[in-house]
C-alpha atoms as a PDB file:
ATOM      1  CA  MET A   1       0.017   0.011   0.007  1.00  0.00           C
ATOM      2  CA  THR A   2       1.651   3.012  -0.896  1.00  0.00           C
ATOM      3  CA  HIS A   3       0.762   6.354  -0.708  1.00  0.00           C
ATOM      4  CA  PRO A   4       0.573   7.235  -4.376  1.00  0.00           C
ATOM      5  CA  SER A   5      -0.513  10.208  -2.776  1.00  0.00           C
ATOM      6  CA  SER A   6       0.353   9.605  -3.335  1.00  0.00           C
ATOM      7  CA  HIS A   7      -1.553  10.091  -6.413  1.00  0.00           C
ATOM      8  CA  ALA A   8       1.108   8.391  -7.481  1.00  0.00           C
ATOM      9  CA  ALA A   9      -0.057   6.390  -7.032  1.00  0.00           C
ATOM     10  CA  HIS A  10      -2.860   7.511  -8.968  1.00  0.00           C
ATOM     11  CA  ALA A  11      -2.640   5.694 -11.933  1.00  0.00           C
ATOM     12  CA  HIS A  12      -1.878   3.331 -10.405  1.00  0.00           C
ATOM     13  CA  PRO A  13      -1.549   5.657  -9.804  1.00  0.00           C
ATOM     14  CA  GLY A  14      -2.473   5.857  -7.081  1.00  0.00           C
ATOM     15  CA  ALA A  15      -0.390   3.604  -7.213  1.00  0.00           C
ATOM     16  CA  HIS A  16      -1.970   0.367  -7.052  1.00  0.00           C
ATOM     17  CA  HIS A  17      -0.375   0.340  -4.110  1.00  0.00           C
ATOM     18  CA  THR A  18      -1.010  -2.708  -2.421  1.00  0.00           C
ATOM     19  CA  HIS A  19       0.490  -4.882  -5.103  1.00  0.00           C
ATOM     20  CA  THR A  20       2.250  -2.499  -7.484  1.00  0.00           C
ATOM     21  CA  PRO A  21       5.722  -3.557  -8.470  1.00  0.00           C
ATOM     22  CA  ASP A  22       8.510  -1.265  -7.307  1.00  0.00           C
ATOM     23  CA  SER A  23       9.564   1.168  -9.971  1.00  0.00           C
ATOM     24  CA  HIS A  24      11.845   4.132 -10.300  1.00  0.00           C
ATOM     25  CA  ASP A  25       9.105   6.006 -12.123  1.00  0.00           C
ATOM     26  CA  GLN A  26       6.689   5.608  -9.261  1.00  0.00           C
ATOM     27  CA  VAL A  27       9.270   6.770  -6.717  1.00  0.00           C
ATOM     28  CA  GLU A  28       9.902   9.840  -8.865  1.00  0.00           C
ATOM     29  CA  LEU A  29       6.153  10.513  -9.133  1.00  0.00           C
ATOM     30  CA  LEU A  30       5.605  10.214  -5.404  1.00  0.00           C
ATOM     31  CA  ASP A  31       8.501  12.582  -4.738  1.00  0.00           C
ATOM     32  CA  LEU A  32       7.075  15.120  -7.215  1.00  0.00           C
ATOM     33  CA  ASP A  33       3.628  14.684  -5.729  1.00  0.00           C
ATOM     34  CA  ALA A  34       5.051  15.533  -2.295  1.00  0.00           C
ATOM     35  CA  GLU A  35       6.939  18.556  -3.621  1.00  0.00           C
ATOM     36  CA  VAL A  36       4.127  20.081  -5.686  1.00  0.00           C
ATOM     37  CA  LEU A  37       1.377  19.506  -3.095  1.00  0.00           C
ATOM     38  CA  ALA A  38       3.470  20.273   0.007  1.00  0.00           C
ATOM     39  CA  GLU A  39       1.570  23.452   0.881  1.00  0.00           C
ATOM     40  CA  HIS A  40      -1.766  21.597   0.764  1.00  0.00           C
ATOM     41  CA  THR A  41      -0.429  18.750   2.840  1.00  0.00           C
ATOM     42  CA  ASP A  42       0.781  21.276   5.428  1.00  0.00           C
ATOM     43  CA  SER A  43      -2.640  22.909   5.508  1.00  0.00           C
ATOM     44  CA  ILE A  44      -4.196  19.515   6.303  1.00  0.00           C
ATOM     45  CA  THR A  45      -1.759  18.774   9.152  1.00  0.00           C
ATOM     46  CA  ALA A  46      -2.398  22.249  10.568  1.00  0.00           C
ATOM     47  CA  TRP A  47      -6.189  21.682  10.476  1.00  0.00           C
ATOM     48  CA  LEU A  48      -6.245  18.375  12.361  1.00  0.00           C
ATOM     49  CA  PRO A  49      -8.355  18.710  15.547  1.00  0.00           C
ATOM     50  CA  LEU A  50      -5.687  17.370  17.930  1.00  0.00           C
ATOM     51  CA  LYS A  51      -6.096  17.792  21.688  1.00  0.00           C
ATOM     52  CA  SER A  52      -2.368  17.636  22.221  1.00  0.00           C
ATOM     53  CA  ALA A  53       0.734  17.211  20.078  1.00  0.00           C
ATOM     54  CA  PRO A  54       1.106  13.529  19.134  1.00  0.00           C
ATOM     55  CA  ARG A  55       4.204  11.722  20.313  1.00  0.00           C
ATOM     56  CA  HIS A  56       3.813   8.565  18.158  1.00  0.00           C
ATOM     57  CA  ILE A  57       2.465   8.860  14.618  1.00  0.00           C
ATOM     58  CA  LEU A  58       1.703   5.924  12.293  1.00  0.00           C
ATOM     59  CA  ASP A  59       1.807   6.632   8.540  1.00  0.00           C
ATOM     60  CA  LEU A  60      -0.046   3.873   6.704  1.00  0.00           C
ATOM     61  CA  GLY A  61       0.962   3.385   3.094  1.00  0.00           C
ATOM     62  CA  CYS A  62       3.624   6.030   3.474  1.00  0.00           C
ATOM     63  CA  GLY A  63       5.049   5.919  -0.038  1.00  0.00           C
ATOM     64  CA  THR A  64       8.258   7.930  -0.173  1.00  0.00           C
ATOM     65  CA  GLY A  65       7.267   9.986   2.850  1.00  0.00           C
ATOM     66  CA  ALA A  66       5.138  12.984   1.872  1.00  0.00           C
ATOM     67  CA  GLY A  67       3.026  12.617   4.987  1.00  0.00           C
ATOM     68  CA  THR A  68       5.854  11.367   7.179  1.00  0.00           C
ATOM     69  CA  PHE A  69       7.988  14.458   6.637  1.00  0.00           C
ATOM     70  CA  ALA A  70       5.113  16.902   6.823  1.00  0.00           C
ATOM     71  CA  LEU A  71       4.115  15.393  10.174  1.00  0.00           C
ATOM     72  CA  LEU A  72       7.695  15.353  11.496  1.00  0.00           C
ATOM     73  CA  ALA A  73       7.994  19.037  10.671  1.00  0.00           C
ATOM     74  CA  ARG A  74       4.637  19.875  12.184  1.00  0.00           C
ATOM     75  CA  PHE A  75       5.279  17.924  15.406  1.00  0.00           C
ATOM     76  CA  PRO A  76       8.960  18.262  16.262  1.00  0.00           C
ATOM     77  CA  GLU A  77       8.693  15.978  19.357  1.00  0.00           C
ATOM     78  CA  ALA A  78       6.995  13.136  17.488  1.00  0.00           C
ATOM     79  CA  GLN A  79       8.295   9.807  16.260  1.00  0.00           C
ATOM     80  CA  VAL A  80       6.845   8.317  13.098  1.00  0.00           C
ATOM     81  CA  THR A  81       6.377   4.669  12.169  1.00  0.00           C
ATOM     82  CA  ALA A  82       6.143   4.571   8.375  1.00  0.00           C
ATOM     83  CA  VAL A  83       4.571   1.446   6.824  1.00  0.00           C
ATOM     84  CA  ASP A  84       4.530   0.460   3.174  1.00  0.00           C
ATOM     85  CA  VAL A  85       4.453  -2.675   0.990  1.00  0.00           C
ATOM     86  CA  SER A  86       7.220  -1.301  -1.233  1.00  0.00           C
ATOM     87  CA  ALA A  87      10.830  -1.784  -0.248  1.00  0.00           C
ATOM     88  CA  SER A  88      11.998   0.830  -2.745  1.00  0.00           C
ATOM     89  CA  HIS A  89       9.627   3.438  -1.321  1.00  0.00           C
ATOM     90  CA  LEU A  90      10.921   2.780   2.189  1.00  0.00           C
ATOM     91  CA  HIS A  91      14.514   2.925   0.986  1.00  0.00           C
ATOM     92  CA  ARG A  92      13.850   6.337  -0.516  1.00  0.00           C
ATOM     93  CA  LEU A  93      12.080   7.492   2.643  1.00  0.00           C
ATOM     94  CA  ARG A  94      15.035   6.426   4.816  1.00  0.00           C
ATOM     95  CA  ALA A  95      17.429   8.214   2.514  1.00  0.00           C
ATOM     96  CA  LYS A  96      15.427  11.425   2.729  1.00  0.00           C
ATOM     97  CA  ALA A  97      15.237  11.089   6.526  1.00  0.00           C
ATOM     98  CA  GLU A  98      19.043  10.924   6.632  1.00  0.00           C
ATOM     99  CA  GLU A  99      19.295  13.976   4.323  1.00  0.00           C
ATOM    100  CA  LEU A 100      16.937  15.941   6.578  1.00  0.00           C
ATOM    101  CA  GLY A 101      18.599  14.833   9.820  1.00  0.00           C
ATOM    102  CA  VAL A 102      15.488  13.141  11.212  1.00  0.00           C
ATOM    103  CA  ALA A 103      16.447   9.457  10.744  1.00  0.00           C
ATOM    104  CA  ASP A 104      16.415   8.977  14.531  1.00  0.00           C
ATOM    105  CA  ARG A 105      12.705   9.925  14.560  1.00  0.00           C
ATOM    106  CA  VAL A 106      11.586   7.487  11.849  1.00  0.00           C
ATOM    107  CA  ARG A 107      10.999   3.738  11.981  1.00  0.00           C
ATOM    108  CA  THR A 108      10.172   2.051   8.700  1.00  0.00           C
ATOM    109  CA  VAL A 109       8.188  -1.160   8.491  1.00  0.00           C
ATOM    110  CA  LEU A 110       7.810  -3.274   5.344  1.00  0.00           C
ATOM    111  CA  ALA A 111       4.366  -4.875   5.467  1.00  0.00           C
ATOM    112  CA  ASP A 112       1.376  -5.814   3.352  1.00  0.00           C
ATOM    113  CA  LEU A 113      -1.540  -4.599   5.365  1.00  0.00           C
ATOM    114  CA  ASP A 114      -3.916  -6.895   3.452  1.00  0.00           C
ATOM    115  CA  ALA A 115      -2.175  -9.705   5.325  1.00  0.00           C
ATOM    116  CA  ASP A 116      -1.355  -9.920   9.054  1.00  0.00           C
ATOM    117  CA  TRP A 117      -0.442  -6.570  10.616  1.00  0.00           C
ATOM    118  CA  PRO A 118       2.901  -6.428  12.375  1.00  0.00           C
ATOM    119  CA  ALA A 119       3.363  -4.864  15.834  1.00  0.00           C
ATOM    120  CA  LEU A 120       3.046  -1.139  15.223  1.00  0.00           C
ATOM    121  CA  GLY A 121       2.896   0.222  18.772  1.00  0.00           C
ATOM    122  CA  ARG A 122       0.206   2.458  20.189  1.00  0.00           C
ATOM    123  CA  PRO A 123       0.058   5.616  18.094  1.00  0.00           C
ATOM    124  CA  ASP A 124      -1.884   8.688  19.108  1.00  0.00           C
ATOM    125  CA  LEU A 125      -2.191   9.823  15.464  1.00  0.00           C
ATOM    126  CA  VAL A 126      -2.629   7.597  12.411  1.00  0.00           C
ATOM    127  CA  TRP A 127      -2.273   9.107   8.958  1.00  0.00           C
ATOM    128  CA  GLY A 128      -3.637   7.373   5.865  1.00  0.00           C
ATOM    129  CA  SER A 129      -3.269   9.474   2.699  1.00  0.00           C
ATOM    130  CA  ALA A 130      -4.422   7.941  -0.604  1.00  0.00           C
ATOM    131  CA  SER A 131      -3.792   4.541   0.911  1.00  0.00           C
ATOM    132  CA  VAL A 132      -6.890   3.131   2.611  1.00  0.00           C
ATOM    133  CA  HIS A 133      -8.668   2.774  -0.757  1.00  0.00           C
ATOM    134  CA  HIS A 134      -5.965   0.321  -1.862  1.00  0.00           C
ATOM    135  CA  MET A 135      -6.800  -2.134   0.922  1.00  0.00           C
ATOM    136  CA  ALA A 136      -8.569  -5.286  -0.184  1.00  0.00           C
ATOM    137  CA  ASP A 137     -10.890  -4.949   2.865  1.00  0.00           C
ATOM    138  CA  PRO A 138     -10.879  -1.275   3.961  1.00  0.00           C
ATOM    139  CA  ASP A 139     -13.423  -1.872   6.763  1.00  0.00           C
ATOM    140  CA  ARG A 140     -11.061  -4.439   8.345  1.00  0.00           C
ATOM    141  CA  ALA A 141      -8.267  -1.901   8.102  1.00  0.00           C
ATOM    142  CA  LEU A 142     -10.360   0.809   9.807  1.00  0.00           C
ATOM    143  CA  SER A 143     -11.137  -1.594  12.626  1.00  0.00           C
ATOM    144  CA  LYS A 144      -7.447  -2.468  12.938  1.00  0.00           C
ATOM    145  CA  VAL A 145      -6.575   1.225  13.229  1.00  0.00           C
ATOM    146  CA  TYR A 146      -9.261   1.700  15.880  1.00  0.00           C
ATOM    147  CA  ASP A 147      -7.785  -1.110  17.932  1.00  0.00           C
ATOM    148  CA  LEU A 148      -4.253   0.272  17.547  1.00  0.00           C
ATOM    149  CA  LEU A 149      -4.965   3.879  18.465  1.00  0.00           C
ATOM    150  CA  SER A 150      -4.505   5.115  21.969  1.00  0.00           C
ATOM    151  CA  PRO A 151      -7.771   6.248  23.607  1.00  0.00           C
ATOM    152  CA  GLY A 152      -8.610   9.753  22.387  1.00  0.00           C
ATOM    153  CA  GLY A 153      -6.232   9.284  19.449  1.00  0.00           C
ATOM    154  CA  LEU A 154      -7.002  10.603  15.967  1.00  0.00           C
ATOM    155  CA  PHE A 155      -7.170   8.908  12.587  1.00  0.00           C
ATOM    156  CA  ALA A 156      -6.726  11.205   9.563  1.00  0.00           C
ATOM    157  CA  VAL A 157      -7.912   9.713   6.254  1.00  0.00           C
ATOM    158  CA  VAL A 158      -6.992  11.728   3.141  1.00  0.00           C
ATOM    159  CA  GLU A 159      -8.701  10.825  -0.109  1.00  0.00           C
ATOM    160  CA  LEU A 160      -8.101  12.051  -3.636  1.00  0.00           C
ATOM    161  CA  ALA A 161     -10.946  13.212  -5.838  1.00  0.00           C
ATOM    162  CA  GLY A 162      -9.186  11.616  -8.766  1.00  0.00           C
ATOM    163  CA  PHE A 163      -6.115  11.787 -10.959  1.00  0.00           C
ATOM    164  CA  PRO A 164      -4.931  15.426 -11.201  1.00  0.00           C
ATOM    165  CA  ARG A 165      -5.537  17.387 -14.396  1.00  0.00           C
ATOM    166  CA  PHE A 166      -2.861  19.433 -16.039  1.00  0.00           C
ATOM    167  CA  LEU A 167      -3.954  20.589 -19.499  1.00  0.00           C
ATOM    168  CA  PRO A 168      -6.480  23.166 -20.678  1.00  0.00           C
ATOM    169  CA  ASP A 169      -9.733  21.658 -21.986  1.00  0.00           C
ATOM    170  CA  ASP A 170      -8.869  22.591 -25.592  1.00  0.00           C
ATOM    171  CA  ALA A 171      -5.450  20.904 -25.500  1.00  0.00           C
ATOM    172  CA  PRO A 172      -3.652  19.518 -27.354  1.00  0.00           C
ATOM    173  CA  GLN A 173      -4.597  21.421 -30.472  1.00  0.00           C
ATOM    174  CA  GLU A 174      -4.869  18.316 -32.696  1.00  0.00           C
ATOM    175  CA  ARG A 175      -6.867  16.273 -30.100  1.00  0.00           C
ATOM    176  CA  PRO A 176      -8.855  18.651 -27.848  1.00  0.00           C
ATOM    177  CA  GLY A 177     -10.265  16.949 -24.771  1.00  0.00           C
ATOM    178  CA  LEU A 178      -7.533  14.310 -24.678  1.00  0.00           C
ATOM    179  CA  GLU A 179      -7.186  14.533 -20.931  1.00  0.00           C
ATOM    180  CA  ASP A 180     -10.909  13.999 -20.427  1.00  0.00           C
ATOM    181  CA  ARG A 181     -10.709  10.793 -22.437  1.00  0.00           C
ATOM    182  CA  CYS A 182      -7.619   9.667 -20.507  1.00  0.00           C
ATOM    183  CA  HIS A 183      -9.492  10.252 -17.264  1.00  0.00           C
ATOM    184  CA  ALA A 184     -12.475   8.269 -18.530  1.00  0.00           C
ATOM    185  CA  ALA A 185     -10.173   5.320 -19.279  1.00  0.00           C
ATOM    186  CA  LEU A 186      -8.589   5.650 -15.829  1.00  0.00           C
ATOM    187  CA  GLU A 187     -11.945   5.801 -14.079  1.00  0.00           C
ATOM    188  CA  HIS A 188     -12.996   2.586 -15.803  1.00  0.00           C
ATOM    189  CA  HIS A 189      -9.760   0.929 -14.590  1.00  0.00           C
ATOM    190  CA  HIS A 190     -10.238   2.204 -11.021  1.00  0.00           C
ATOM    191  CA  ALA A 191     -13.841   1.026 -10.911  1.00  0.00           C
ATOM    192  CA  GLU A 192     -12.574  -2.462 -11.609  1.00  0.00           C
ATOM    193  CA  HIS A 193      -9.302  -2.560  -9.720  1.00  0.00           C
ATOM    194  CA  VAL A 194      -9.531   0.123  -6.981  1.00  0.00           C
ATOM    195  CA  PRO A 195     -13.241   0.209  -6.230  1.00  0.00           C
ATOM    196  CA  HIS A 196     -12.908   2.139  -2.934  1.00  0.00           C
ATOM    197  CA  ARG A 197     -11.032   5.040  -4.454  1.00  0.00           C
ATOM    198  CA  GLY A 198     -12.959   8.291  -3.887  1.00  0.00           C
ATOM    199  CA  ALA A 199     -15.096   6.695  -1.173  1.00  0.00           C
ATOM    200  CA  ASP A 200     -16.953   8.727   1.460  1.00  0.00           C
ATOM    201  CA  TRP A 201     -15.053   7.475   4.488  1.00  0.00           C
ATOM    202  CA  GLY A 202     -17.222   9.210   7.103  1.00  0.00           C
ATOM    203  CA  PRO A 203     -19.914   6.519   7.444  1.00  0.00           C
ATOM    204  CA  ARG A 204     -17.343   3.749   7.323  1.00  0.00           C
ATOM    205  CA  LEU A 205     -15.258   5.370  10.080  1.00  0.00           C
ATOM    206  CA  THR A 206     -18.408   5.669  12.210  1.00  0.00           C
ATOM    207  CA  ALA A 207     -19.268   2.039  11.602  1.00  0.00           C
ATOM    208  CA  ALA A 208     -15.738   1.089  12.811  1.00  0.00           C
ATOM    209  CA  GLY A 209     -16.443   2.851  16.102  1.00  0.00           C
ATOM    210  CA  PHE A 210     -14.839   6.243  15.445  1.00  0.00           C
ATOM    211  CA  THR A 211     -16.388   9.637  16.108  1.00  0.00           C
ATOM    212  CA  VAL A 212     -15.840  11.776  13.025  1.00  0.00           C
ATOM    213  CA  GLU A 213     -14.891  15.179  14.368  1.00  0.00           C
ATOM    214  CA  GLY A 214     -14.228  16.983  11.112  1.00  0.00           C
ATOM    215  CA  GLU A 215     -14.307  16.728   7.346  1.00  0.00           C
ATOM    216  CA  ARG A 216     -12.666  19.190   5.026  1.00  0.00           C
ATOM    217  CA  SER A 217     -12.238  19.383   1.245  1.00  0.00           C
ATOM    218  CA  ILE A 218      -9.351  21.243  -0.302  1.00  0.00           C
ATOM    219  CA  THR A 219      -9.318  22.454  -3.928  1.00  0.00           C
ATOM    220  CA  VAL A 220      -5.868  22.368  -5.451  1.00  0.00           C
ATOM    221  CA  HIS A 221      -5.075  24.734  -8.319  1.00  0.00           C
ATOM    222  CA  ILE A 222      -1.381  25.382  -8.860  1.00  0.00           C
ATOM    223  CA  GLU A 223      -0.310  27.386 -11.936  1.00  0.00           C
ATOM    224  CA  GLY A 224       2.673  25.842 -13.651  1.00  0.00           C
ATOM    225  CA  SER A 225       3.932  28.637 -15.876  1.00  0.00           C
ATOM    226  CA  ASP A 226       6.765  29.544 -13.489  1.00  0.00           C
ATOM    227  CA  ASP A 227       7.182  26.210 -11.736  1.00  0.00           C
ATOM    228  CA  GLN A 228       9.337  23.580 -13.487  1.00  0.00           C
ATOM    229  CA  SER A 229       8.272  20.932 -10.990  1.00  0.00           C
ATOM    230  CA  VAL A 230       4.674  21.196 -12.286  1.00  0.00           C
ATOM    231  CA  GLY A 231       5.840  20.252 -15.761  1.00  0.00           C
ATOM    232  CA  GLN A 232       7.851  17.326 -14.429  1.00  0.00           C
ATOM    233  CA  TYR A 233       4.887  16.261 -12.281  1.00  0.00           C
ATOM    234  CA  ALA A 234       2.598  16.364 -15.343  1.00  0.00           C
ATOM    235  CA  LEU A 235       5.092  14.418 -17.404  1.00  0.00           C
ATOM    236  CA  SER A 236       5.623  11.776 -14.729  1.00  0.00           C
ATOM    237  CA  SER A 237       1.879  11.446 -14.029  1.00  0.00           C
ATOM    238  CA  LEU A 238       0.860  11.078 -17.655  1.00  0.00           C
ATOM    239  CA  LYS A 239       3.662   8.583 -18.256  1.00  0.00           C
ATOM    240  CA  ARG A 240       2.182   6.431 -15.497  1.00  0.00           C
ATOM    241  CA  LEU A 241      -1.241   6.769 -17.017  1.00  0.00           C
ATOM    242  CA  ARG A 242       0.114   5.879 -20.470  1.00  0.00           C
ATOM    243  CA  ALA A 243       1.821   2.802 -19.107  1.00  0.00           C
ATOM    244  CA  GLY A 244      -1.108   1.473 -17.192  1.00  0.00           C
ATOM    245  CA  ASP A 245      -4.511   2.580 -18.352  1.00  0.00           C
ATOM    246  CA  ALA A 246      -4.446   3.959 -21.838  1.00  0.00           C
ATOM    247  CA  ASP A 247      -5.132   0.769 -23.794  1.00  0.00           C
ATOM    248  CA  THR A 248      -8.787   1.761 -24.406  1.00  0.00           C
ATOM    249  CA  LEU A 249      -7.853   5.062 -26.066  1.00  0.00           C
ATOM    250  CA  ALA A 250      -8.173   5.609 -29.791  1.00  0.00           C
ATOM    251  CA  ALA A 251      -4.960   5.376 -31.782  1.00  0.00           C
ATOM    252  CA  GLU A 252      -5.073   9.126 -32.527  1.00  0.00           C
ATOM    253  CA  ASP A 253      -5.299   9.871 -28.813  1.00  0.00           C
ATOM    254  CA  LEU A 254      -2.352   7.582 -28.051  1.00  0.00           C
ATOM    255  CA  SER A 255      -0.289   9.320 -30.687  1.00  0.00           C
ATOM    256  CA  ALA A 256      -1.124  12.753 -29.297  1.00  0.00           C
ATOM    257  CA  LEU A 257      -0.339  11.530 -25.785  1.00  0.00           C
ATOM    258  CA  ASP A 258       2.994  10.116 -26.934  1.00  0.00           C
ATOM    259  CA  ARG A 259       3.916  13.472 -28.493  1.00  0.00           C
ATOM    260  CA  LEU A 260       3.198  15.163 -25.166  1.00  0.00           C
ATOM    261  CA  LEU A 261       5.403  12.642 -23.398  1.00  0.00           C
ATOM    262  CA  ASP A 262       8.298  12.909 -25.879  1.00  0.00           C
ATOM    263  CA  THR A 263      10.626  15.357 -24.178  1.00  0.00           C
ATOM    264  CA  ASP A 264      12.432  15.959 -27.481  1.00  0.00           C
ATOM    265  CA  SER A 265       9.221  16.845 -29.314  1.00  0.00           C
ATOM    266  CA  PRO A 266       8.228  20.486 -29.943  1.00  0.00           C
ATOM    267  CA  GLN A 267       4.843  19.381 -28.509  1.00  0.00           C
ATOM    268  CA  SER A 268       6.376  18.067 -25.296  1.00  0.00           C
ATOM    269  CA  ILE A 269       4.368  18.812 -22.198  1.00  0.00           C
ATOM    270  CA  LEU A 270       7.548  20.301 -20.714  1.00  0.00           C
ATOM    271  CA  ARG A 271       7.373  23.085 -23.351  1.00  0.00           C
ATOM    272  CA  ARG A 272       3.835  24.147 -22.539  1.00  0.00           C
ATOM    273  CA  ARG A 273       3.309  27.371 -20.647  1.00  0.00           C
ATOM    274  CA  ASP A 274      -0.368  26.695 -19.822  1.00  0.00           C
ATOM    275  CA  LEU A 275      -0.091  23.800 -17.387  1.00  0.00           C
ATOM    276  CA  ALA A 276      -1.733  23.773 -13.949  1.00  0.00           C
ATOM    277  CA  VAL A 277      -2.291  21.138 -11.302  1.00  0.00           C
ATOM    278  CA  ARG A 278      -6.011  20.804 -10.594  1.00  0.00           C
ATOM    279  CA  THR A 279      -7.435  18.303  -8.177  1.00  0.00           C
ATOM    280  CA  GLU A 280      -9.221  17.984  -4.823  1.00  0.00           C
ATOM    281  CA  ARG A 281      -8.435  16.223  -1.581  1.00  0.00           C
ATOM    282  CA  THR A 282     -10.827  15.481   1.258  1.00  0.00           C
ATOM    283  CA  VAL A 283      -9.707  14.700   4.789  1.00  0.00           C
ATOM    284  CA  TRP A 284     -11.704  13.076   7.596  1.00  0.00           C
ATOM    285  CA  ALA A 285     -10.533  13.390  11.195  1.00  0.00           C
ATOM    286  CA  ALA A 286     -11.887  10.557  13.309  1.00  0.00           C
ATOM    287  CA  ARG A 287     -11.321  10.048  17.021  1.00  0.00           C
ATOM    288  CA  ARG A 288     -11.215   6.877  19.088  1.00  0.00           C
ATOM    289  CA  ALA A 289     -13.363   7.539  22.132  1.00  0.00           C
END
């Protein structure tokens, strides 16, 4: 289960996390996801209705650490246990922790949470960003988190509204609406393979015994004209989509998509000045009584 936040997961993205093979491309995408959406992640951590600063945080499906490092920065006394099914994601997370000088505050655990859960301690904050929907049995996972949490502890579930959009509606010139058709192909894939993606977690959290104390939706719109990372994020995201979910697209759409993804092409997405990151995230804050 990886993050994907990741969206990176998105195409999975999203990453199919729970059983996605390790890949350099996915690590790159998760890192870009963390960089581009850092401000929005920080706004979520600042909003959480915590009664006191957490000392032990559990990051479920941590990916390469977008949530882990945001939470370490937000709560300087906290320790984080970061769990993922991908060894390469955890390797990248540990390397970043060393770079940032916080390795002594991070424990990484390699585990498939669709199987038996390892001993994860007694956290007072559990963070699950773009990860719970990858569980084969999300309701079992919610109950597991409830049992793990210390009394009064908080579970933050962050869900993505969908794969981010990057292009104007009339782009590219020769195939307007290409991104809409790519999204339709992806939604068909997700409906079959990641059926819980985009779920309303509020009722399911309540059914697991939690008290939902807050729900917040965040609209993301980041202009890319002066931000090279947005172009790289768009390139990496659409490459993942092309690799995984584009087989139902018309040949003309595939050709147009390949031109966008060809960094040597004059039509490369990296040469466009009209990119933006557009998506939504919803977070539920649920407390164990």
